[in-house]
Amino acid sequence: MAKRENESFSIKDLMGAFIKENKLEKGFQKIHVEEAWEKLMGPGVHSYTNEVKLQNGTLIVRLSSSVLREELTYGKEKIMHMMNQEMGEQVIKKIMLV
């Protein structure tokens, strides 16, 4: 019988290794960016959000309100900083509000 290793790993570490090994980071970032947008912007802004996607370092947000789009334009840098903090790495380099 094979001897069992006594090293223990957390599920988080094992999942992180699995994600890196199989090159799944970008897919998880795309999912996480949608969740981060909803969490940071709140239910008011989220209700006017039609689509949030991450494409080549650009966060593309499709909004149904032109007034909200104009208001958010003034805070793009702050939104980008908050989103990158929530993501845990420098993923977003540019924000497009359409």
PDB file of N, CA and C in Angstrom:
ATOM      1  N   MET A   1       0.825  -1.184   0.000  1.00  0.00           N
ATOM      2  CA  MET A   1       0.000   0.000   0.000  1.00  0.00           C
ATOM      3  C   MET A   1       0.873   1.252   0.000  1.00  0.00           C
ATOM      4  N   ALA A   2       0.466   2.265  -0.737  1.00  0.00           N
ATOM      5  CA  ALA A   2       1.223   3.505  -0.806  1.00  0.00           C
ATOM      6  C   ALA A   2       1.076   4.287   0.491  1.00  0.00           C
ATOM      7  N   LYS A   3       2.167   4.918   0.880  1.00  0.00           N
ATOM      8  CA  LYS A   3       2.145   5.705   2.107  1.00  0.00           C
ATOM      9  C   LYS A   3       1.447   7.037   1.835  1.00  0.00           C
ATOM     10  N   ARG A   4       0.610   7.461   2.743  1.00  0.00           N
ATOM     11  CA  ARG A   4      -0.148   8.697   2.601  1.00  0.00           C
ATOM     12  C   ARG A   4       0.707   9.883   3.038  1.00  0.00           C
ATOM     13  N   GLU A   5       0.664  10.933   2.253  1.00  0.00           N
ATOM     14  CA  GLU A   5       1.370  12.167   2.590  1.00  0.00           C
ATOM     15  C   GLU A   5       0.643  12.863   3.726  1.00  0.00           C
ATOM     16  N   ASN A   6       1.383  13.474   4.633  1.00  0.00           N
ATOM     17  CA  ASN A   6       0.773  14.167   5.760  1.00  0.00           C
ATOM     18  C   ASN A   6       0.588  15.658   5.511  1.00  0.00           C
ATOM     19  N   GLU A   7       0.944  16.121   4.328  1.00  0.00           N
ATOM     20  CA  GLU A   7       0.750  17.532   4.013  1.00  0.00           C
ATOM     21  C   GLU A   7      -0.729  17.798   3.791  1.00  0.00           C
ATOM     22  N   SER A   8      -1.181  18.915   4.314  1.00  0.00           N
ATOM     23  CA  SER A   8      -2.574  19.279   4.081  1.00  0.00           C
ATOM     24  C   SER A   8      -2.623  20.593   3.313  1.00  0.00           C
ATOM     25  N   PHE A   9      -3.580  20.706   2.447  1.00  0.00           N
ATOM     26  CA  PHE A   9      -3.753  21.890   1.619  1.00  0.00           C
ATOM     27  C   PHE A   9      -5.171  22.390   1.804  1.00  0.00           C
ATOM     28  N   SER A  10      -5.330  23.701   1.706  1.00  0.00           N
ATOM     29  CA  SER A  10      -6.686  24.242   1.782  1.00  0.00           C
ATOM     30  C   SER A  10      -7.351  24.085   0.422  1.00  0.00           C
ATOM     31  N   ILE A  11      -8.658  24.058   0.435  1.00  0.00           N
ATOM     32  CA  ILE A  11      -9.421  23.947  -0.823  1.00  0.00           C
ATOM     33  C   ILE A  11      -9.097  25.133  -1.723  1.00  0.00           C
ATOM     34  N   LYS A  12      -8.940  26.316  -1.125  1.00  0.00           N
ATOM     35  CA  LYS A  12      -8.642  27.522  -1.895  1.00  0.00           C
ATOM     36  C   LYS A  12      -7.324  27.357  -2.660  1.00  0.00           C
ATOM     37  N   ASP A  13      -6.304  26.830  -1.979  1.00  0.00           N
ATOM     38  CA  ASP A  13      -5.008  26.621  -2.635  1.00  0.00           C
ATOM     39  C   ASP A  13      -5.103  25.589  -3.751  1.00  0.00           C
ATOM     40  N   LEU A  14      -5.828  24.511  -3.500  1.00  0.00           N
ATOM     41  CA  LEU A  14      -5.989  23.465  -4.511  1.00  0.00           C
ATOM     42  C   LEU A  14      -6.746  23.979  -5.730  1.00  0.00           C
ATOM     43  N   MET A  15      -7.819  24.757  -5.484  1.00  0.00           N
ATOM     44  CA  MET A  15      -8.587  25.320  -6.609  1.00  0.00           C
ATOM     45  C   MET A  15      -7.735  26.311  -7.396  1.00  0.00           C
ATOM     46  N   GLY A  16      -6.956  27.125  -6.686  1.00  0.00           N
ATOM     47  CA  GLY A  16      -6.076  28.077  -7.359  1.00  0.00           C
ATOM     48  C   GLY A  16      -5.073  27.379  -8.254  1.00  0.00           C
ATOM     49  N   ALA A  17      -4.492  26.303  -7.758  1.00  0.00           N
ATOM     50  CA  ALA A  17      -3.531  25.537  -8.552  1.00  0.00           C
ATOM     51  C   ALA A  17      -4.209  24.896  -9.760  1.00  0.00           C
ATOM     52  N   PHE A  18      -5.407  24.354  -9.561  1.00  0.00           N
ATOM     53  CA  PHE A  18      -6.147  23.732 -10.652  1.00  0.00           C
ATOM     54  C   PHE A  18      -6.483  24.755 -11.738  1.00  0.00           C
ATOM     55  N   ILE A  19      -6.919  25.937 -11.324  1.00  0.00           N
ATOM     56  CA  ILE A  19      -7.282  26.999 -12.273  1.00  0.00           C
ATOM     57  C   ILE A  19      -6.060  27.426 -13.079  1.00  0.00           C
ATOM     58  N   LYS A  20      -4.913  27.597 -12.416  1.00  0.00           N
ATOM     59  CA  LYS A  20      -3.695  28.003 -13.121  1.00  0.00           C
ATOM     60  C   LYS A  20      -3.199  26.911 -14.057  1.00  0.00           C
ATOM     61  N   GLU A  21      -3.229  25.666 -13.604  1.00  0.00           N
ATOM     62  CA  GLU A  21      -2.769  24.544 -14.425  1.00  0.00           C
ATOM     63  C   GLU A  21      -3.566  24.419 -15.712  1.00  0.00           C
ATOM     64  N   ASN A  22      -4.861  24.639 -15.627  1.00  0.00           N
ATOM     65  CA  ASN A  22      -5.738  24.476 -16.789  1.00  0.00           C
ATOM     66  C   ASN A  22      -6.032  25.781 -17.515  1.00  0.00           C
ATOM     67  N   LYS A  23      -5.319  26.840 -17.147  1.00  0.00           N
ATOM     68  CA  LYS A  23      -5.434  28.156 -17.801  1.00  0.00           C
ATOM     69  C   LYS A  23      -6.884  28.653 -17.843  1.00  0.00           C
ATOM     70  N   LEU A  24      -7.525  28.653 -16.682  1.00  0.00           N
ATOM     71  CA  LEU A  24      -8.921  29.084 -16.580  1.00  0.00           C
ATOM     72  C   LEU A  24      -9.071  30.469 -15.949  1.00  0.00           C
ATOM     73  N   GLU A  25      -7.975  31.197 -15.733  1.00  0.00           N
ATOM     74  CA  GLU A  25      -8.038  32.479 -15.035  1.00  0.00           C
ATOM     75  C   GLU A  25      -8.952  33.483 -15.729  1.00  0.00           C
ATOM     76  N   LYS A  26      -8.823  33.591 -17.042  1.00  0.00           N
ATOM     77  CA  LYS A  26      -9.617  34.595 -17.773  1.00  0.00           C
ATOM     78  C   LYS A  26     -11.109  34.348 -17.653  1.00  0.00           C
ATOM     79  N   GLY A  27     -11.526  33.114 -17.706  1.00  0.00           N
ATOM     80  CA  GLY A  27     -12.940  32.778 -17.568  1.00  0.00           C
ATOM     81  C   GLY A  27     -13.467  33.131 -16.187  1.00  0.00           C
ATOM     82  N   PHE A  28     -12.663  32.838 -15.157  1.00  0.00           N
ATOM     83  CA  PHE A  28     -13.085  33.178 -13.809  1.00  0.00           C
ATOM     84  C   PHE A  28     -13.092  34.682 -13.592  1.00  0.00           C
ATOM     85  N   GLN A  29     -12.156  35.400 -14.220  1.00  0.00           N
ATOM     86  CA  GLN A  29     -12.141  36.859 -14.116  1.00  0.00           C
ATOM     87  C   GLN A  29     -13.406  37.450 -14.724  1.00  0.00           C
ATOM     88  N   LYS A  30     -13.847  36.901 -15.850  1.00  0.00           N
ATOM     89  CA  LYS A  30     -15.055  37.409 -16.494  1.00  0.00           C
ATOM     90  C   LYS A  30     -16.280  37.221 -15.611  1.00  0.00           C
ATOM     91  N   ILE A  31     -16.350  36.100 -14.922  1.00  0.00           N
ATOM     92  CA  ILE A  31     -17.467  35.849 -14.012  1.00  0.00           C
ATOM     93  C   ILE A  31     -17.361  36.754 -12.791  1.00  0.00           C
ATOM     94  N   HIS A  32     -16.150  36.870 -12.252  1.00  0.00           N
ATOM     95  CA  HIS A  32     -15.954  37.657 -11.041  1.00  0.00           C
ATOM     96  C   HIS A  32     -16.208  39.142 -11.284  1.00  0.00           C
ATOM     97  N   VAL A  33     -15.902  39.638 -12.477  1.00  0.00           N
ATOM     98  CA  VAL A  33     -16.097  41.059 -12.761  1.00  0.00           C
ATOM     99  C   VAL A  33     -17.588  41.412 -12.745  1.00  0.00           C
ATOM    100  N   GLU A  34     -18.439  40.518 -13.196  1.00  0.00           N
ATOM    101  CA  GLU A  34     -19.885  40.760 -13.150  1.00  0.00           C
ATOM    102  C   GLU A  34     -20.373  40.821 -11.706  1.00  0.00           C
ATOM    103  N   GLU A  35     -19.887  39.897 -10.886  1.00  0.00           N
ATOM    104  CA  GLU A  35     -20.273  39.882  -9.477  1.00  0.00           C
ATOM    105  C   GLU A  35     -19.750  41.124  -8.752  1.00  0.00           C
ATOM    106  N   ALA A  36     -18.522  41.534  -9.071  1.00  0.00           N
ATOM    107  CA  ALA A  36     -17.924  42.706  -8.432  1.00  0.00           C
ATOM    108  C   ALA A  36     -18.690  43.975  -8.812  1.00  0.00           C
ATOM    109  N   TRP A  37     -19.123  44.087 -10.065  1.00  0.00           N
ATOM    110  CA  TRP A  37     -19.883  45.254 -10.505  1.00  0.00           C
ATOM    111  C   TRP A  37     -21.181  45.366  -9.700  1.00  0.00           C
ATOM    112  N   GLU A  38     -21.889  44.261  -9.585  1.00  0.00           N
ATOM    113  CA  GLU A  38     -23.155  44.261  -8.847  1.00  0.00           C
ATOM    114  C   GLU A  38     -22.925  44.620  -7.381  1.00  0.00           C
ATOM    115  N   LYS A  39     -21.879  44.071  -6.791  1.00  0.00           N
ATOM    116  CA  LYS A  39     -21.599  44.317  -5.370  1.00  0.00           C
ATOM    117  C   LYS A  39     -21.198  45.773  -5.125  1.00  0.00           C
ATOM    118  N   LEU A  40     -20.304  46.305  -5.946  1.00  0.00           N
ATOM    119  CA  LEU A  40     -19.780  47.652  -5.720  1.00  0.00           C
ATOM    120  C   LEU A  40     -20.746  48.768  -6.116  1.00  0.00           C
ATOM    121  N   MET A  41     -21.496  48.558  -7.181  1.00  0.00           N
ATOM    122  CA  MET A  41     -22.383  49.610  -7.671  1.00  0.00           C
ATOM    123  C   MET A  41     -23.739  49.622  -6.973  1.00  0.00           C
ATOM    124  N   GLY A  42     -24.102  48.514  -6.384  1.00  0.00           N
ATOM    125  CA  GLY A  42     -25.366  48.449  -5.654  1.00  0.00           C
ATOM    126  C   GLY A  42     -26.546  48.136  -6.555  1.00  0.00           C
ATOM    127  N   PRO A  43     -27.711  47.905  -5.947  1.00  0.00           N
ATOM    128  CA  PRO A  43     -28.888  47.503  -6.714  1.00  0.00           C
ATOM    129  C   PRO A  43     -29.436  48.600  -7.633  1.00  0.00           C
ATOM    130  N   GLY A  44     -29.238  49.864  -7.274  1.00  0.00           N
ATOM    131  CA  GLY A  44     -29.741  50.960  -8.109  1.00  0.00           C
ATOM    132  C   GLY A  44     -29.083  51.004  -9.472  1.00  0.00           C
ATOM    133  N   VAL A  45     -27.765  51.003  -9.475  1.00  0.00           N
ATOM    134  CA  VAL A  45     -27.010  51.038 -10.736  1.00  0.00           C
ATOM    135  C   VAL A  45     -27.164  49.707 -11.465  1.00  0.00           C
ATOM    136  N   HIS A  46     -27.154  48.623 -10.706  1.00  0.00           N
ATOM    137  CA  HIS A  46     -27.272  47.300 -11.329  1.00  0.00           C
ATOM    138  C   HIS A  46     -28.602  47.130 -12.074  1.00  0.00           C
ATOM    139  N   SER A  47     -29.645  47.775 -11.586  1.00  0.00           N
ATOM    140  CA  SER A  47     -30.942  47.644 -12.255  1.00  0.00           C
ATOM    141  C   SER A  47     -30.940  48.305 -13.639  1.00  0.00           C
ATOM    142  N   TYR A  48     -30.041  49.274 -13.863  1.00  0.00           N
ATOM    143  CA  TYR A  48     -29.925  49.926 -15.174  1.00  0.00           C
ATOM    144  C   TYR A  48     -28.813  49.321 -16.031  1.00  0.00           C
ATOM    145  N   THR A  49     -28.169  48.275 -15.525  1.00  0.00           N
ATOM    146  CA  THR A  49     -27.064  47.639 -16.239  1.00  0.00           C
ATOM    147  C   THR A  49     -27.598  46.474 -17.064  1.00  0.00           C
ATOM    148  N   ASN A  50     -27.347  46.522 -18.371  1.00  0.00           N
ATOM    149  CA  ASN A  50     -27.775  45.441 -19.259  1.00  0.00           C
ATOM    150  C   ASN A  50     -26.707  44.377 -19.417  1.00  0.00           C
ATOM    151  N   GLU A  51     -25.436  44.794 -19.438  1.00  0.00           N
ATOM    152  CA  GLU A  51     -24.355  43.840 -19.687  1.00  0.00           C
ATOM    153  C   GLU A  51     -23.059  44.374 -19.095  1.00  0.00           C
ATOM    154  N   VAL A  52     -22.278  43.476 -18.507  1.00  0.00           N
ATOM    155  CA  VAL A  52     -20.942  43.793 -18.001  1.00  0.00           C
ATOM    156  C   VAL A  52     -20.016  42.717 -18.536  1.00  0.00           C
ATOM    157  N   LYS A  53     -18.970  43.131 -19.259  1.00  0.00           N
ATOM    158  CA  LYS A  53     -18.027  42.125 -19.747  1.00  0.00           C
ATOM    159  C   LYS A  53     -16.616  42.682 -19.741  1.00  0.00           C
ATOM    160  N   LEU A  54     -15.682  41.777 -19.618  1.00  0.00           N
ATOM    161  CA  LEU A  54     -14.265  42.110 -19.597  1.00  0.00           C
ATOM    162  C   LEU A  54     -13.646  41.584 -20.879  1.00  0.00           C
ATOM    163  N   GLN A  55     -13.003  42.495 -21.616  1.00  0.00           N
ATOM    164  CA  GLN A  55     -12.427  42.109 -22.900  1.00  0.00           C
ATOM    165  C   GLN A  55     -11.072  42.795 -23.059  1.00  0.00           C
ATOM    166  N   ASN A  56     -10.007  42.007 -23.051  1.00  0.00           N
ATOM    167  CA  ASN A  56      -8.642  42.517 -23.228  1.00  0.00           C
ATOM    168  C   ASN A  56      -8.299  43.667 -22.278  1.00  0.00           C
ATOM    169  N   GLY A  57      -8.648  43.536 -21.013  1.00  0.00           N
ATOM    170  CA  GLY A  57      -8.334  44.562 -20.020  1.00  0.00           C
ATOM    171  C   GLY A  57      -9.287  45.735 -20.008  1.00  0.00           C
ATOM    172  N   THR A  58     -10.317  45.692 -20.838  1.00  0.00           N
ATOM    173  CA  THR A  58     -11.311  46.768 -20.892  1.00  0.00           C
ATOM    174  C   THR A  58     -12.621  46.270 -20.317  1.00  0.00           C
ATOM    175  N   LEU A  59     -13.135  47.005 -19.343  1.00  0.00           N
ATOM    176  CA  LEU A  59     -14.441  46.696 -18.774  1.00  0.00           C
ATOM    177  C   LEU A  59     -15.486  47.419 -19.610  1.00  0.00           C
ATOM    178  N   ILE A  60     -16.363  46.660 -20.237  1.00  0.00           N
ATOM    179  CA  ILE A  60     -17.411  47.225 -21.086  1.00  0.00           C
ATOM    180  C   ILE A  60     -18.729  47.072 -20.345  1.00  0.00           C
ATOM    181  N   VAL A  61     -19.371  48.203 -20.067  1.00  0.00           N
ATOM    182  CA  VAL A  61     -20.627  48.202 -19.327  1.00  0.00           C
ATOM    183  C   VAL A  61     -21.697  48.826 -20.206  1.00  0.00           C
ATOM    184  N   ARG A  62     -22.745  48.058 -20.480  1.00  0.00           N
ATOM    185  CA  ARG A  62     -23.869  48.539 -21.290  1.00  0.00           C
ATOM    186  C   ARG A  62     -24.984  48.955 -20.335  1.00  0.00           C
ATOM    187  N   LEU A  63     -25.334  50.241 -20.383  1.00  0.00           N
ATOM    188  CA  LEU A  63     -26.345  50.805 -19.483  1.00  0.00           C
ATOM    189  C   LEU A  63     -27.580  51.221 -20.263  1.00  0.00           C
ATOM    190  N   SER A  64     -28.737  51.127 -19.617  1.00  0.00           N
ATOM    191  CA  SER A  64     -29.983  51.507 -20.277  1.00  0.00           C
ATOM    192  C   SER A  64     -30.352  52.969 -20.005  1.00  0.00           C
ATOM    193  N   SER A  65     -29.604  53.659 -19.154  1.00  0.00           N
ATOM    194  CA  SER A  65     -29.903  55.054 -18.817  1.00  0.00           C
ATOM    195  C   SER A  65     -28.744  55.949 -19.253  1.00  0.00           C
ATOM    196  N   SER A  66     -29.046  56.894 -20.138  1.00  0.00           N
ATOM    197  CA  SER A  66     -28.007  57.819 -20.603  1.00  0.00           C
ATOM    198  C   SER A  66     -27.584  58.773 -19.491  1.00  0.00           C
ATOM    199  N   VAL A  67     -28.491  59.107 -18.599  1.00  0.00           N
ATOM    200  CA  VAL A  67     -28.173  59.995 -17.481  1.00  0.00           C
ATOM    201  C   VAL A  67     -27.180  59.308 -16.540  1.00  0.00           C
ATOM    202  N   LEU A  68     -27.432  58.055 -16.221  1.00  0.00           N
ATOM    203  CA  LEU A  68     -26.537  57.289 -15.361  1.00  0.00           C
ATOM    204  C   LEU A  68     -25.183  57.116 -16.032  1.00  0.00           C
ATOM    205  N   ARG A  69     -25.177  56.858 -17.320  1.00  0.00           N
ATOM    206  CA  ARG A  69     -23.932  56.700 -18.068  1.00  0.00           C
ATOM    207  C   ARG A  69     -23.080  57.964 -17.941  1.00  0.00           C
ATOM    208  N   GLU A  70     -23.718  59.121 -18.082  1.00  0.00           N
ATOM    209  CA  GLU A  70     -23.012  60.400 -17.972  1.00  0.00           C
ATOM    210  C   GLU A  70     -22.459  60.600 -16.560  1.00  0.00           C
ATOM    211  N   GLU A  71     -23.241  60.267 -15.552  1.00  0.00           N
ATOM    212  CA  GLU A  71     -22.806  60.400 -14.156  1.00  0.00           C
ATOM    213  C   GLU A  71     -21.612  59.487 -13.865  1.00  0.00           C
ATOM    214  N   LEU A  72     -21.669  58.259 -14.334  1.00  0.00           N
ATOM    215  CA  LEU A  72     -20.586  57.310 -14.074  1.00  0.00           C
ATOM    216  C   LEU A  72     -19.308  57.670 -14.831  1.00  0.00           C
ATOM    217  N   THR A  73     -19.441  58.405 -15.925  1.00  0.00           N
ATOM    218  CA  THR A  73     -18.279  58.820 -16.703  1.00  0.00           C
ATOM    219  C   THR A  73     -17.332  59.653 -15.852  1.00  0.00           C
ATOM    220  N   TYR A  74     -17.879  60.466 -14.959  1.00  0.00           N
ATOM    221  CA  TYR A  74     -17.051  61.324 -14.112  1.00  0.00           C
ATOM    222  C   TYR A  74     -16.242  60.527 -13.094  1.00  0.00           C
ATOM    223  N   GLY A  75     -16.666  59.318 -12.765  1.00  0.00           N
ATOM    224  CA  GLY A  75     -15.985  58.517 -11.756  1.00  0.00           C
ATOM    225  C   GLY A  75     -15.297  57.283 -12.292  1.00  0.00           C
ATOM    226  N   LYS A  76     -14.926  57.284 -13.574  1.00  0.00           N
ATOM    227  CA  LYS A  76     -14.315  56.097 -14.186  1.00  0.00           C
ATOM    228  C   LYS A  76     -13.060  55.634 -13.454  1.00  0.00           C
ATOM    229  N   GLU A  77     -12.186  56.562 -13.094  1.00  0.00           N
ATOM    230  CA  GLU A  77     -10.930  56.200 -12.418  1.00  0.00           C
ATOM    231  C   GLU A  77     -11.209  55.541 -11.071  1.00  0.00           C
ATOM    232  N   LYS A  78     -12.148  56.102 -10.330  1.00  0.00           N
ATOM    233  CA  LYS A  78     -12.483  55.545  -9.020  1.00  0.00           C
ATOM    234  C   LYS A  78     -13.116  54.159  -9.175  1.00  0.00           C
ATOM    235  N   ILE A  79     -14.003  54.013 -10.143  1.00  0.00           N
ATOM    236  CA  ILE A  79     -14.642  52.711 -10.401  1.00  0.00           C
ATOM    237  C   ILE A  79     -13.585  51.685 -10.775  1.00  0.00           C
ATOM    238  N   MET A  80     -12.645  52.069 -11.648  1.00  0.00           N
ATOM    239  CA  MET A  80     -11.595  51.161 -12.075  1.00  0.00           C
ATOM    240  C   MET A  80     -10.752  50.726 -10.869  1.00  0.00           C
ATOM    241  N   HIS A  81     -10.407  51.669 -10.011  1.00  0.00           N
ATOM    242  CA  HIS A  81      -9.612  51.354  -8.817  1.00  0.00           C
ATOM    243  C   HIS A  81     -10.374  50.404  -7.891  1.00  0.00           C
ATOM    244  N   MET A  82     -11.644  50.688  -7.638  1.00  0.00           N
ATOM    245  CA  MET A  82     -12.454  49.842  -6.759  1.00  0.00           C
ATOM    246  C   MET A  82     -12.620  48.439  -7.340  1.00  0.00           C
ATOM    247  N   MET A  83     -12.867  48.354  -8.630  1.00  0.00           N
ATOM    248  CA  MET A  83     -13.047  47.047  -9.272  1.00  0.00           C
ATOM    249  C   MET A  83     -11.758  46.220  -9.207  1.00  0.00           C
ATOM    250  N   ASN A  84     -10.626  46.846  -9.469  1.00  0.00           N
ATOM    251  CA  ASN A  84      -9.351  46.126  -9.406  1.00  0.00           C
ATOM    252  C   ASN A  84      -9.058  45.658  -7.983  1.00  0.00           C
ATOM    253  N   GLN A  85      -9.412  46.484  -6.998  1.00  0.00           N
ATOM    254  CA  GLN A  85      -9.235  46.069  -5.602  1.00  0.00           C
ATOM    255  C   GLN A  85     -10.107  44.862  -5.301  1.00  0.00           C
ATOM    256  N   GLU A  86     -11.345  44.895  -5.755  1.00  0.00           N
ATOM    257  CA  GLU A  86     -12.275  43.785  -5.516  1.00  0.00           C
ATOM    258  C   GLU A  86     -11.801  42.515  -6.220  1.00  0.00           C
ATOM    259  N   MET A  87     -11.218  42.667  -7.399  1.00  0.00           N
ATOM    260  CA  MET A  87     -10.736  41.517  -8.160  1.00  0.00           C
ATOM    261  C   MET A  87      -9.436  40.956  -7.565  1.00  0.00           C
ATOM    262  N   GLY A  88      -8.716  41.772  -6.810  1.00  0.00           N
ATOM    263  CA  GLY A  88      -7.482  41.312  -6.190  1.00  0.00           C
ATOM    264  C   GLY A  88      -6.254  41.425  -7.072  1.00  0.00           C
ATOM    265  N   GLU A  89      -6.397  41.982  -8.246  1.00  0.00           N
ATOM    266  CA  GLU A  89      -5.269  42.192  -9.153  1.00  0.00           C
ATOM    267  C   GLU A  89      -5.629  43.267 -10.164  1.00  0.00           C
ATOM    268  N   GLN A  90      -4.626  43.751 -10.886  1.00  0.00           N
ATOM    269  CA  GLN A  90      -4.806  44.821 -11.867  1.00  0.00           C
ATOM    270  C   GLN A  90      -5.322  44.221 -13.174  1.00  0.00           C
ATOM    271  N   VAL A  91      -6.623  43.983 -13.244  1.00  0.00           N
ATOM    272  CA  VAL A  91      -7.240  43.336 -14.402  1.00  0.00           C
ATOM    273  C   VAL A  91      -7.789  44.384 -15.369  1.00  0.00           C
ATOM    274  N   ILE A  92      -8.406  45.427 -14.828  1.00  0.00           N
ATOM    275  CA  ILE A  92      -9.090  46.436 -15.643  1.00  0.00           C
ATOM    276  C   ILE A  92      -8.148  47.621 -15.882  1.00  0.00           C
ATOM    277  N   LYS A  93      -7.935  47.925 -17.139  1.00  0.00           N
ATOM    278  CA  LYS A  93      -7.063  49.045 -17.512  1.00  0.00           C
ATOM    279  C   LYS A  93      -7.858  50.207 -18.101  1.00  0.00           C
ATOM    280  N   LYS A  94      -9.084  49.936 -18.533  1.00  0.00           N
ATOM    281  CA  LYS A  94      -9.894  50.951 -19.192  1.00  0.00           C
ATOM    282  C   LYS A  94     -11.363  50.596 -18.980  1.00  0.00           C
ATOM    283  N   ILE A  95     -12.224  51.614 -18.909  1.00  0.00           N
ATOM    284  CA  ILE A  95     -13.670  51.389 -18.763  1.00  0.00           C
ATOM    285  C   ILE A  95     -14.389  52.076 -19.909  1.00  0.00           C
ATOM    286  N   MET A  96     -15.292  51.324 -20.550  1.00  0.00           N
ATOM    287  CA  MET A  96     -16.143  51.892 -21.600  1.00  0.00           C
ATOM    288  C   MET A  96     -17.592  51.779 -21.135  1.00  0.00           C
ATOM    289  N   LEU A  97     -18.271  52.903 -21.077  1.00  0.00           N
ATOM    290  CA  LEU A  97     -19.685  52.916 -20.716  1.00  0.00           C
ATOM    291  C   LEU A  97     -20.477  53.162 -21.997  1.00  0.00           C
ATOM    292  N   VAL A  98     -21.264  52.179 -22.393  1.00  0.00           N
ATOM    293  CA  VAL A  98     -22.033  52.296 -23.643  1.00  0.00           C
ATOM    294  C   VAL A  98     -23.501  52.103 -23.384  1.00  0.00           C
TER     295      VAL A  98
END
